[in-house]
Amino acid sequence: MGTGICHQLLPEKGHVFPGQLIVGADSHTTTYGAFGAASCGIGGSEVAYVLSRGSLWFMVPETIRFILKGTLPMGTSGKDILLRIAGSTPAK
């Protein structure tokens, strides 16, 4: 308390590492992905559960593989690719 904003302090204090799963009651919790960690925001009841049990259940969706072929134009980013896929993939 009183030392700063949690989603900034955790990386600054060395508590975020690639491959970790981090949950938090802050809408910015997902920013830990920039450090190679998987992270998500959770609600108050989930926070209470984590604090009392030390664990949390997640429903993991099925995986979809996209195989991309060809050459990308200069300046194309991963976000451009994902937006194109999201916009052209038919809904189930």
Protein backbone atom coordinates (compact mmCIF):
# COMPACT_ATOMS: atom_id res chain seq x y z
CA MET A 1 0.00 0.00 0.00
CA GLY A 2 1.17 3.49 -0.82
CA THR A 3 4.17 2.40 -2.93
CA GLY A 4 2.69 2.70 -6.42
CA ILE A 5 0.50 1.07 -9.02
CA CYS A 6 0.50 -2.74 -8.82
CA HIS A 7 0.77 -3.46 -12.55
CA GLN A 8 3.91 -1.30 -12.67
CA LEU A 9 5.44 -2.39 -9.38
CA LEU A 10 5.44 -6.13 -10.03
CA PRO A 11 7.77 -5.94 -13.06
CA GLU A 12 9.87 -3.15 -11.49
CA LYS A 13 10.42 -5.25 -8.35
CA GLY A 14 11.28 -8.38 -10.39
CA HIS A 15 8.13 -10.39 -9.69
CA VAL A 16 7.13 -11.03 -13.33
CA PHE A 17 8.95 -13.65 -15.44
CA PRO A 18 8.34 -15.30 -18.83
CA GLY A 19 6.17 -18.40 -18.56
CA GLN A 20 4.39 -17.36 -15.37
CA LEU A 21 0.63 -17.26 -14.96
CA ILE A 22 -0.39 -14.09 -13.13
CA VAL A 23 -3.90 -13.11 -12.01
CA GLY A 24 -4.89 -9.78 -10.54
CA ALA A 25 -7.91 -7.66 -9.72
CA ASP A 26 -6.73 -4.87 -12.02
CA SER A 27 -7.82 -4.28 -15.60
CA HIS A 28 -4.17 -3.71 -16.55
CA THR A 29 -3.07 -7.16 -15.37
CA THR A 30 -2.86 -8.29 -19.00
CA THR A 31 0.11 -5.96 -19.55
CA TYR A 32 2.37 -8.68 -18.09
CA GLY A 33 2.19 -10.32 -21.50
CA ALA A 34 4.86 -7.78 -22.51
CA PHE A 35 7.20 -9.72 -20.19
CA GLY A 36 6.29 -13.12 -21.63
CA ALA A 37 3.86 -14.02 -18.84
CA ALA A 38 0.26 -15.14 -19.30
CA SER A 39 -2.01 -12.92 -17.24
CA CYS A 40 -5.66 -12.07 -16.75
CA GLY A 41 -7.83 -9.92 -14.59
CA ILE A 42 -10.16 -11.62 -12.11
CA GLY A 43 -13.09 -10.47 -9.98
CA GLY A 44 -13.36 -10.04 -6.24
CA SER A 45 -14.76 -13.52 -5.54
CA GLU A 46 -11.93 -15.11 -7.54
CA VAL A 47 -9.37 -13.02 -5.62
CA ALA A 48 -10.84 -14.28 -2.33
CA TYR A 49 -10.64 -17.87 -3.62
CA VAL A 50 -7.00 -17.48 -4.69
CA LEU A 51 -6.04 -15.95 -1.35
CA SER A 52 -7.76 -18.71 0.63
CA ARG A 53 -6.87 -21.72 -1.55
CA GLY A 54 -3.73 -20.67 -3.40
CA SER A 55 -5.10 -21.91 -6.73
CA LEU A 56 -7.65 -21.07 -9.38
CA TRP A 57 -9.42 -23.07 -12.11
CA PHE A 58 -9.32 -21.96 -15.74
CA MET A 59 -11.28 -23.23 -18.71
CA VAL A 60 -8.80 -23.48 -21.57
CA PRO A 61 -10.32 -23.17 -25.04
CA GLU A 62 -9.35 -25.44 -27.90
CA THR A 63 -6.34 -24.44 -29.96
CA ILE A 64 -6.51 -23.29 -33.57
CA ARG A 65 -3.42 -23.44 -35.77
CA PHE A 66 -2.87 -21.05 -38.65
CA ILE A 67 -0.12 -21.82 -41.12
CA LEU A 68 0.91 -18.69 -42.96
CA LYS A 69 2.79 -18.83 -46.24
CA GLY A 70 4.29 -16.13 -48.41
CA THR A 71 6.16 -12.89 -47.88
CA LEU A 72 4.81 -10.01 -45.83
CA PRO A 73 5.03 -6.41 -47.00
CA MET A 74 7.62 -4.22 -45.23
CA GLY A 75 6.24 -2.80 -41.98
CA THR A 76 3.68 -5.56 -41.42
CA SER A 77 3.34 -6.46 -37.73
CA GLY A 78 1.88 -9.39 -35.86
CA LYS A 79 -1.13 -7.26 -35.03
CA ASP A 80 -1.77 -6.66 -38.75
CA ILE A 81 -1.75 -10.42 -39.34
CA LEU A 82 -4.13 -11.14 -36.46
CA LEU A 83 -6.54 -8.40 -37.51
CA ARG A 84 -6.60 -9.82 -41.05
CA ILE A 85 -7.25 -13.35 -39.79
CA ALA A 86 -9.95 -12.17 -37.37
CA GLY A 87 -11.66 -10.21 -40.12
CA SER A 88 -11.62 -13.00 -42.70
CA THR A 89 -12.30 -16.14 -40.67
CA PRO A 90 -15.92 -17.31 -40.81
CA ALA A 91 -17.67 -17.58 -37.44
CA LYS A 92 -18.73 -21.03 -36.27
